[in-house]
């Protein structure tokens, strides 16, 4: 039952931001940029496992992953300059994100 409640909460936040992007795209972008998903996931993780050390490791991983995940947005930033279509931009971002995973995997070993 808890699993479905977690799904409902996360889906509601994402759906709300998606809906809001039609009326107020700047506000929706700001809301999505907030660490709402992290806040929810951290509390759910601690509630589910009751393990402070795992929760701390989880949050350290998030801290390292956030700047690495920005790699996804690089093709969008340069899309007009490179005259790329949406799918090429999107797939390039995914490709960079996969590379970012390996960067994250390397960096997390130091913490």
Protein backbone atom coordinates (compact mmCIF):
# COMPACT_ATOMS: atom_id res chain seq x y z
CA UNK A 1 0.00 0.00 0.00
CA UNK A 2 2.83 2.41 0.87
CA UNK A 3 4.37 1.78 -2.55
CA UNK A 4 1.21 2.98 -4.29
CA UNK A 5 0.99 6.06 -2.06
CA UNK A 6 4.57 6.92 -3.03
CA UNK A 7 3.71 6.50 -6.70
CA UNK A 8 0.66 8.73 -6.32
CA UNK A 9 2.61 11.51 -4.60
CA UNK A 10 5.48 11.48 -7.11
CA UNK A 11 3.15 11.25 -10.11
CA UNK A 12 1.04 14.12 -8.79
CA UNK A 13 4.04 16.42 -8.49
CA UNK A 14 5.30 15.58 -11.97
CA UNK A 15 1.82 15.87 -13.49
CA UNK A 16 1.25 19.22 -11.79
CA UNK A 17 4.54 20.62 -13.09
CA UNK A 18 3.79 19.32 -16.58
CA UNK A 19 0.35 20.94 -16.53
CA UNK A 20 1.76 24.18 -15.11
CA UNK A 21 4.35 24.37 -17.89
CA UNK A 22 1.56 25.20 -20.35
CA UNK A 23 0.50 28.32 -18.42
CA UNK A 24 3.68 29.32 -16.57
CA UNK A 25 6.72 27.54 -18.06
CA UNK A 26 9.24 29.56 -16.04
CA UNK A 27 7.51 28.75 -12.75
CA UNK A 28 7.14 25.08 -13.74
CA UNK A 29 10.85 24.94 -14.58
CA UNK A 30 11.71 26.46 -11.22
CA UNK A 31 9.51 23.96 -9.39
CA UNK A 32 11.06 21.01 -11.21
CA UNK A 33 14.54 22.39 -10.48
CA UNK A 34 13.80 22.29 -6.77
CA UNK A 35 14.99 19.16 -5.03
CA UNK A 36 11.39 18.05 -4.47
CA UNK A 37 12.00 14.56 -5.83
CA UNK A 38 15.09 14.24 -3.64
CA UNK A 39 13.25 15.46 -0.56
CA UNK A 40 10.46 12.96 -1.13
CA UNK A 41 12.80 10.07 -1.98
CA UNK A 42 15.04 10.71 1.05
CA UNK A 43 12.15 10.70 3.50
CA UNK A 44 10.57 7.64 1.84
CA UNK A 45 13.92 5.83 1.92
CA UNK A 46 14.48 6.54 5.58
CA UNK A 47 10.90 5.65 6.47
CA UNK A 48 11.14 2.37 4.58
CA UNK A 49 14.60 1.23 5.73
CA UNK A 50 15.13 3.07 9.06
CA UNK A 51 18.88 3.12 8.31
CA UNK A 52 20.63 6.46 8.80
CA UNK A 53 23.88 5.32 7.14
CA UNK A 54 22.11 4.17 3.98
CA UNK A 55 20.17 7.44 3.90
CA UNK A 56 23.38 9.45 4.24
CA UNK A 57 25.02 7.45 1.44
CA UNK A 58 21.89 7.98 -0.66
CA UNK A 59 22.01 11.76 -0.13
CA UNK A 60 25.74 11.92 -0.91
CA UNK A 61 25.04 10.13 -4.16
CA UNK A 62 22.32 12.67 -4.97
CA UNK A 63 24.66 15.56 -4.20
CA UNK A 64 27.23 14.24 -6.65
CA UNK A 65 24.64 13.25 -9.26
CA UNK A 66 22.90 16.63 -9.47
CA UNK A 67 25.71 18.56 -11.19
CA UNK A 68 26.61 15.52 -13.30
CA UNK A 69 23.00 15.27 -14.47
CA UNK A 70 23.27 18.76 -15.96
CA UNK A 71 25.12 17.12 -18.84
CA UNK A 72 21.70 16.20 -20.23
CA UNK A 73 20.86 19.87 -20.80
CA UNK A 74 24.01 20.80 -22.74
CA UNK A 75 22.60 19.87 -26.18
CA UNK A 76 19.46 21.93 -25.47
CA UNK A 77 21.61 24.93 -24.65
CA UNK A 78 23.44 24.70 -27.98
CA UNK A 79 20.50 23.49 -30.11
CA UNK A 80 19.95 26.75 -32.00
CA UNK A 81 23.63 27.20 -32.63
CA UNK A 82 23.97 23.67 -34.02
CA UNK A 83 20.55 23.70 -35.77
CA UNK A 84 19.50 20.36 -34.30
CA UNK A 85 16.01 18.85 -34.26
CA UNK A 86 14.32 17.85 -31.00
CA UNK A 87 15.05 14.12 -31.16
CA UNK A 88 18.72 14.65 -31.92
CA UNK A 89 18.96 17.09 -29.02
CA UNK A 90 17.13 14.71 -26.70
CA UNK A 91 19.15 11.63 -27.68
CA UNK A 92 22.41 13.60 -27.40
CA UNK A 93 21.37 14.58 -23.89
CA UNK A 94 20.64 10.94 -23.03
CA UNK A 95 24.04 9.94 -24.42
CA UNK A 96 25.76 12.56 -22.26
CA UNK A 97 23.72 11.42 -19.28
CA UNK A 98 24.96 7.85 -19.74
CA UNK A 99 28.49 9.21 -19.71
CA UNK A 100 27.55 11.17 -16.61
CA UNK A 101 26.60 7.94 -14.88
CA UNK A 102 30.17 6.70 -15.23
CA UNK A 103 31.49 10.03 -13.95
CA UNK A 104 29.14 9.69 -10.95
CA UNK A 105 30.24 6.09 -10.39
CA UNK A 106 33.88 7.22 -10.35
CA UNK A 107 33.30 10.24 -8.07
CA UNK A 108 31.15 8.39 -5.54
CA UNK A 109 34.08 6.10 -4.68
CA UNK A 110 35.83 9.07 -3.03
CA UNK A 111 32.95 9.80 -0.68
